[in-house]
Amino acid sequence: MAFHRKSRRITKDPKSYAVTYLGYLPLENDTEAKKTRANIDAIVKDTNTKERDLKKINVKVTDRGLILLDPKNKTERAFVAEKIYRCSAERGVGEEPVFSFVYDKQGDESPRFEFHAVLCTGKDTATEIANSLQASFKHTKLLAARNLREQR
């Protein structure tokens, strides 16, 4: 699924974005989850981030949410749209664009939230990922509402 800004429509083919994974930060509550800028800074300042090679990954936005693909290790992790608490596209590392999102594990697990951040290559890439994810969330809500109507 891809989101087209001009037409505001969703296509079936997921678009993949080449990004650099900065890391994730475990968060205990939604107050911490709302502090996007502080969370990005915390990930960047983390000594582990400085010591390891940052992963080049692909972010794929589908009609169900996000998939982070690590082509080197051939692994992927899916994030369901309904459980993504918030997402953001902003300037982060220096003036480079950063896409970030907060994933709500919605359970008794501690920490409850995961804050993930990726460094984007183009200045519009972070915004495009965020807009595509928003369209994915709306699409998922529409499908859920349609299924509910059909069950009645």
C-alpha atoms as a PDB file:
ATOM      1  CA  MET A   1       0.000   0.000   0.000  1.00  0.00           C
ATOM      2  CA  ALA A   2       1.268   3.432  -0.840  1.00  0.00           C
ATOM      3  CA  PHE A   3      -0.225   6.801  -0.055  1.00  0.00           C
ATOM      4  CA  HIS A   4      -0.300   9.451  -2.750  1.00  0.00           C
ATOM      5  CA  ARG A   5      -0.297  12.937  -1.244  1.00  0.00           C
ATOM      6  CA  LYS A   6      -1.868  14.707  -4.228  1.00  0.00           C
ATOM      7  CA  SER A   7      -4.780  12.329  -4.711  1.00  0.00           C
ATOM      8  CA  ARG A   8      -5.072  11.178  -1.071  1.00  0.00           C
ATOM      9  CA  ARG A   9      -5.603   7.597  -2.177  1.00  0.00           C
ATOM     10  CA  ILE A  10      -4.179   4.251  -1.153  1.00  0.00           C
ATOM     11  CA  THR A  11      -2.781   1.761  -3.640  1.00  0.00           C
ATOM     12  CA  LYS A  12      -2.455  -1.975  -3.026  1.00  0.00           C
ATOM     13  CA  ASP A  13       1.303  -2.142  -3.615  1.00  0.00           C
ATOM     14  CA  PRO A  14       3.242  -1.415  -0.438  1.00  0.00           C
ATOM     15  CA  LYS A  15       5.994   1.133  -0.885  1.00  0.00           C
ATOM     16  CA  SER A  16       9.368   0.422   0.656  1.00  0.00           C
ATOM     17  CA  TYR A  17      11.658   3.134   2.017  1.00  0.00           C
ATOM     18  CA  ALA A  18      15.401   2.705   2.543  1.00  0.00           C
ATOM     19  CA  VAL A  19      16.249   4.172   5.962  1.00  0.00           C
ATOM     20  CA  THR A  20      18.776   3.864   8.783  1.00  0.00           C
ATOM     21  CA  TYR A  21      17.421   2.380  12.004  1.00  0.00           C
ATOM     22  CA  LEU A  22      18.487   4.546  14.941  1.00  0.00           C
ATOM     23  CA  GLY A  23      17.066   2.250  17.590  1.00  0.00           C
ATOM     24  CA  TYR A  24      14.250   1.988  20.057  1.00  0.00           C
ATOM     25  CA  LEU A  25      13.583   3.164  23.564  1.00  0.00           C
ATOM     26  CA  PRO A  26      11.343   1.325  26.038  1.00  0.00           C
ATOM     27  CA  LEU A  27       8.777   3.638  27.664  1.00  0.00           C
ATOM     28  CA  GLU A  28       6.633   3.026  30.724  1.00  0.00           C
ATOM     29  CA  ASN A  29       3.716   5.385  30.080  1.00  0.00           C
ATOM     30  CA  ASP A  30       1.969   7.533  27.500  1.00  0.00           C
ATOM     31  CA  THR A  31       3.381  10.760  28.971  1.00  0.00           C
ATOM     32  CA  GLU A  32       6.877   9.615  27.983  1.00  0.00           C
ATOM     33  CA  ALA A  33       5.531   8.494  24.604  1.00  0.00           C
ATOM     34  CA  LYS A  34       4.449  12.043  23.756  1.00  0.00           C
ATOM     35  CA  LYS A  35       7.967  13.473  24.168  1.00  0.00           C
ATOM     36  CA  THR A  36       9.105  12.757  20.613  1.00  0.00           C
ATOM     37  CA  ARG A  37      12.052  15.162  20.509  1.00  0.00           C
ATOM     38  CA  ALA A  38      13.416  14.040  23.883  1.00  0.00           C
ATOM     39  CA  ASN A  39      13.077  10.372  22.898  1.00  0.00           C
ATOM     40  CA  ILE A  40      14.946  10.892  19.619  1.00  0.00           C
ATOM     41  CA  ASP A  41      17.715  12.714  21.507  1.00  0.00           C
ATOM     42  CA  ALA A  42      17.905   9.885  24.064  1.00  0.00           C
ATOM     43  CA  ILE A  43      18.329   7.283  21.311  1.00  0.00           C
ATOM     44  CA  VAL A  44      21.005   9.334  19.543  1.00  0.00           C
ATOM     45  CA  LYS A  45      22.925   9.992  22.776  1.00  0.00           C
ATOM     46  CA  ASP A  46      22.795   6.351  23.828  1.00  0.00           C
ATOM     47  CA  THR A  47      26.336   5.000  23.990  1.00  0.00           C
ATOM     48  CA  ASN A  48      25.244   1.736  22.372  1.00  0.00           C
ATOM     49  CA  THR A  49      24.103   3.669  19.298  1.00  0.00           C
ATOM     50  CA  LYS A  50      27.523   5.277  18.939  1.00  0.00           C
ATOM     51  CA  GLU A  51      29.384   1.999  19.345  1.00  0.00           C
ATOM     52  CA  ARG A  52      27.512  -0.169  16.881  1.00  0.00           C
ATOM     53  CA  ASP A  53      27.002   0.134  13.168  1.00  0.00           C
ATOM     54  CA  LEU A  54      23.604   1.569  12.461  1.00  0.00           C
ATOM     55  CA  LYS A  55      21.462  -0.821  10.452  1.00  0.00           C
ATOM     56  CA  LYS A  56      20.323  -0.010   6.950  1.00  0.00           C
ATOM     57  CA  ILE A  57      16.779  -1.319   6.793  1.00  0.00           C
ATOM     58  CA  ASN A  58      13.632  -0.946   4.738  1.00  0.00           C
ATOM     59  CA  VAL A  59      10.351   0.371   6.107  1.00  0.00           C
ATOM     60  CA  LYS A  60       7.304  -0.929   4.313  1.00  0.00           C
ATOM     61  CA  VAL A  61       3.870   0.595   4.931  1.00  0.00           C
ATOM     62  CA  THR A  62       1.078  -1.872   4.239  1.00  0.00           C
ATOM     63  CA  ASP A  63      -2.687  -1.693   4.565  1.00  0.00           C
ATOM     64  CA  ARG A  64      -2.293  -3.243   8.031  1.00  0.00           C
ATOM     65  CA  GLY A  65       0.588  -1.182   9.442  1.00  0.00           C
ATOM     66  CA  LEU A  66       4.390  -1.064   9.286  1.00  0.00           C
ATOM     67  CA  ILE A  67       7.021  -3.673   8.574  1.00  0.00           C
ATOM     68  CA  LEU A  68      10.696  -3.150   9.374  1.00  0.00           C
ATOM     69  CA  LEU A  69      12.827  -5.330   7.090  1.00  0.00           C
ATOM     70  CA  ASP A  70      16.493  -6.048   7.736  1.00  0.00           C
ATOM     71  CA  PRO A  71      17.810  -7.211   4.343  1.00  0.00           C
ATOM     72  CA  LYS A  72      21.209  -8.209   5.756  1.00  0.00           C
ATOM     73  CA  ASN A  73      19.827 -10.640   8.343  1.00  0.00           C
ATOM     74  CA  LYS A  74      16.660 -11.377   6.338  1.00  0.00           C
ATOM     75  CA  THR A  75      14.459 -10.595   9.344  1.00  0.00           C
ATOM     76  CA  GLU A  76      11.325  -8.542   9.655  1.00  0.00           C
ATOM     77  CA  ARG A  77       9.142  -7.166  12.399  1.00  0.00           C
ATOM     78  CA  ALA A  78       5.537  -6.149  11.823  1.00  0.00           C
ATOM     79  CA  PHE A  79       3.701  -3.417  13.732  1.00  0.00           C
ATOM     80  CA  VAL A  80      -0.100  -3.491  13.500  1.00  0.00           C
ATOM     81  CA  ALA A  81      -1.648  -0.083  12.730  1.00  0.00           C
ATOM     82  CA  GLU A  82      -4.165  -0.260  15.606  1.00  0.00           C
ATOM     83  CA  LYS A  83      -1.340  -0.581  18.123  1.00  0.00           C
ATOM     84  CA  ILE A  84       0.726   2.330  16.848  1.00  0.00           C
ATOM     85  CA  TYR A  85       0.036   4.971  19.472  1.00  0.00           C
ATOM     86  CA  ARG A  86       1.519   7.894  17.547  1.00  0.00           C
ATOM     87  CA  CYS A  87       3.956   8.692  14.758  1.00  0.00           C
ATOM     88  CA  SER A  88       5.970  11.738  13.812  1.00  0.00           C
ATOM     89  CA  ALA A  89       8.085  13.127  10.992  1.00  0.00           C
ATOM     90  CA  GLU A  90      10.514  15.836  12.009  1.00  0.00           C
ATOM     91  CA  ARG A  91      14.091  17.036  11.931  1.00  0.00           C
ATOM     92  CA  GLY A  92      16.176  14.923  14.222  1.00  0.00           C
ATOM     93  CA  VAL A  93      19.834  14.121  13.872  1.00  0.00           C
ATOM     94  CA  GLY A  94      21.368  17.441  12.921  1.00  0.00           C
ATOM     95  CA  GLU A  95      18.963  18.593  10.254  1.00  0.00           C
ATOM     96  CA  GLU A  96      18.302  15.107   8.887  1.00  0.00           C
ATOM     97  CA  PRO A  97      14.645  13.983   8.785  1.00  0.00           C
ATOM     98  CA  VAL A  98      13.558  11.346  11.279  1.00  0.00           C
ATOM     99  CA  PHE A  99      10.421   9.218  11.231  1.00  0.00           C
ATOM    100  CA  SER A 100       9.443   7.876  14.632  1.00  0.00           C
ATOM    101  CA  PHE A 101       6.554   5.919  16.050  1.00  0.00           C
ATOM    102  CA  VAL A 102       5.367   4.620  19.394  1.00  0.00           C
ATOM    103  CA  TYR A 103       4.126   1.044  19.513  1.00  0.00           C
ATOM    104  CA  ASP A 104       1.693   0.130  22.291  1.00  0.00           C
ATOM    105  CA  LYS A 105       2.159  -3.490  23.355  1.00  0.00           C
ATOM    106  CA  GLN A 106      -1.274  -3.249  25.083  1.00  0.00           C
ATOM    107  CA  GLY A 107      -0.847  -5.738  27.838  1.00  0.00           C
ATOM    108  CA  ASP A 108       0.624  -6.285  31.239  1.00  0.00           C
ATOM    109  CA  GLU A 109       4.102  -6.257  29.748  1.00  0.00           C
ATOM    110  CA  SER A 110       6.540  -3.751  31.123  1.00  0.00           C
ATOM    111  CA  PRO A 111       7.573  -1.468  29.551  1.00  0.00           C
ATOM    112  CA  ARG A 112       4.272  -0.997  27.776  1.00  0.00           C
ATOM    113  CA  PHE A 113       5.480   1.243  24.917  1.00  0.00           C
ATOM    114  CA  GLU A 114       8.356   1.066  22.429  1.00  0.00           C
ATOM    115  CA  PHE A 115       9.579   4.267  20.771  1.00  0.00           C
ATOM    116  CA  HIS A 116      11.265   3.525  17.410  1.00  0.00           C
ATOM    117  CA  ALA A 117      13.182   6.015  15.237  1.00  0.00           C
ATOM    118  CA  VAL A 118      14.633   5.826  11.727  1.00  0.00           C
ATOM    119  CA  LEU A 119      16.810   8.313   9.901  1.00  0.00           C
ATOM    120  CA  CYS A 120      15.407   9.027   6.441  1.00  0.00           C
ATOM    121  CA  THR A 121      17.365   9.727   3.272  1.00  0.00           C
ATOM    122  CA  GLY A 122      15.235  12.433   1.659  1.00  0.00           C
ATOM    123  CA  LYS A 123      13.631  15.412   3.296  1.00  0.00           C
ATOM    124  CA  ASP A 124      10.142  14.309   2.269  1.00  0.00           C
ATOM    125  CA  THR A 125      10.610  10.620   3.080  1.00  0.00           C
ATOM    126  CA  ALA A 126       9.770  10.924   6.789  1.00  0.00           C
ATOM    127  CA  THR A 127       6.591  12.862   5.992  1.00  0.00           C
ATOM    128  CA  GLU A 128       5.612  10.394   3.277  1.00  0.00           C
ATOM    129  CA  ILE A 129       6.015   7.436   5.660  1.00  0.00           C
ATOM    130  CA  ALA A 130       3.913   9.209   8.313  1.00  0.00           C
ATOM    131  CA  ASN A 131       1.181  10.079   5.778  1.00  0.00           C
ATOM    132  CA  SER A 132       1.157   6.510   4.441  1.00  0.00           C
ATOM    133  CA  LEU A 133       0.845   5.142   7.969  1.00  0.00           C
ATOM    134  CA  GLN A 134      -2.036   7.514   8.686  1.00  0.00           C
ATOM    135  CA  ALA A 135      -3.785   6.288   5.521  1.00  0.00           C
ATOM    136  CA  SER A 136      -3.127   2.699   6.628  1.00  0.00           C
ATOM    137  CA  PHE A 137      -4.726   3.389   9.989  1.00  0.00           C
ATOM    138  CA  LYS A 138      -7.803   4.954   8.353  1.00  0.00           C
ATOM    139  CA  HIS A 139      -8.022   2.008   5.940  1.00  0.00           C
ATOM    140  CA  THR A 140      -7.867  -0.465   8.847  1.00  0.00           C
ATOM    141  CA  LYS A 141     -10.611   1.411  10.719  1.00  0.00           C
ATOM    142  CA  LEU A 142     -12.806   1.387   7.586  1.00  0.00           C
ATOM    143  CA  LEU A 143     -12.358  -2.379   7.204  1.00  0.00           C
ATOM    144  CA  ALA A 144     -13.196  -2.943  10.872  1.00  0.00           C
ATOM    145  CA  ALA A 145     -16.358  -0.815  10.569  1.00  0.00           C
ATOM    146  CA  ARG A 146     -17.389  -2.669   7.386  1.00  0.00           C
ATOM    147  CA  ASN A 147     -16.882  -6.039   9.077  1.00  0.00           C
ATOM    148  CA  LEU A 148     -18.937  -4.899  12.058  1.00  0.00           C
ATOM    149  CA  ARG A 149     -21.807  -3.806   9.788  1.00  0.00           C
ATOM    150  CA  GLU A 150     -21.718  -7.130   7.950  1.00  0.00           C
ATOM    151  CA  GLN A 151     -21.927  -9.058  11.220  1.00  0.00           C
ATOM    152  CA  ARG A 152     -25.185  -7.322  12.169  1.00  0.00           C
END
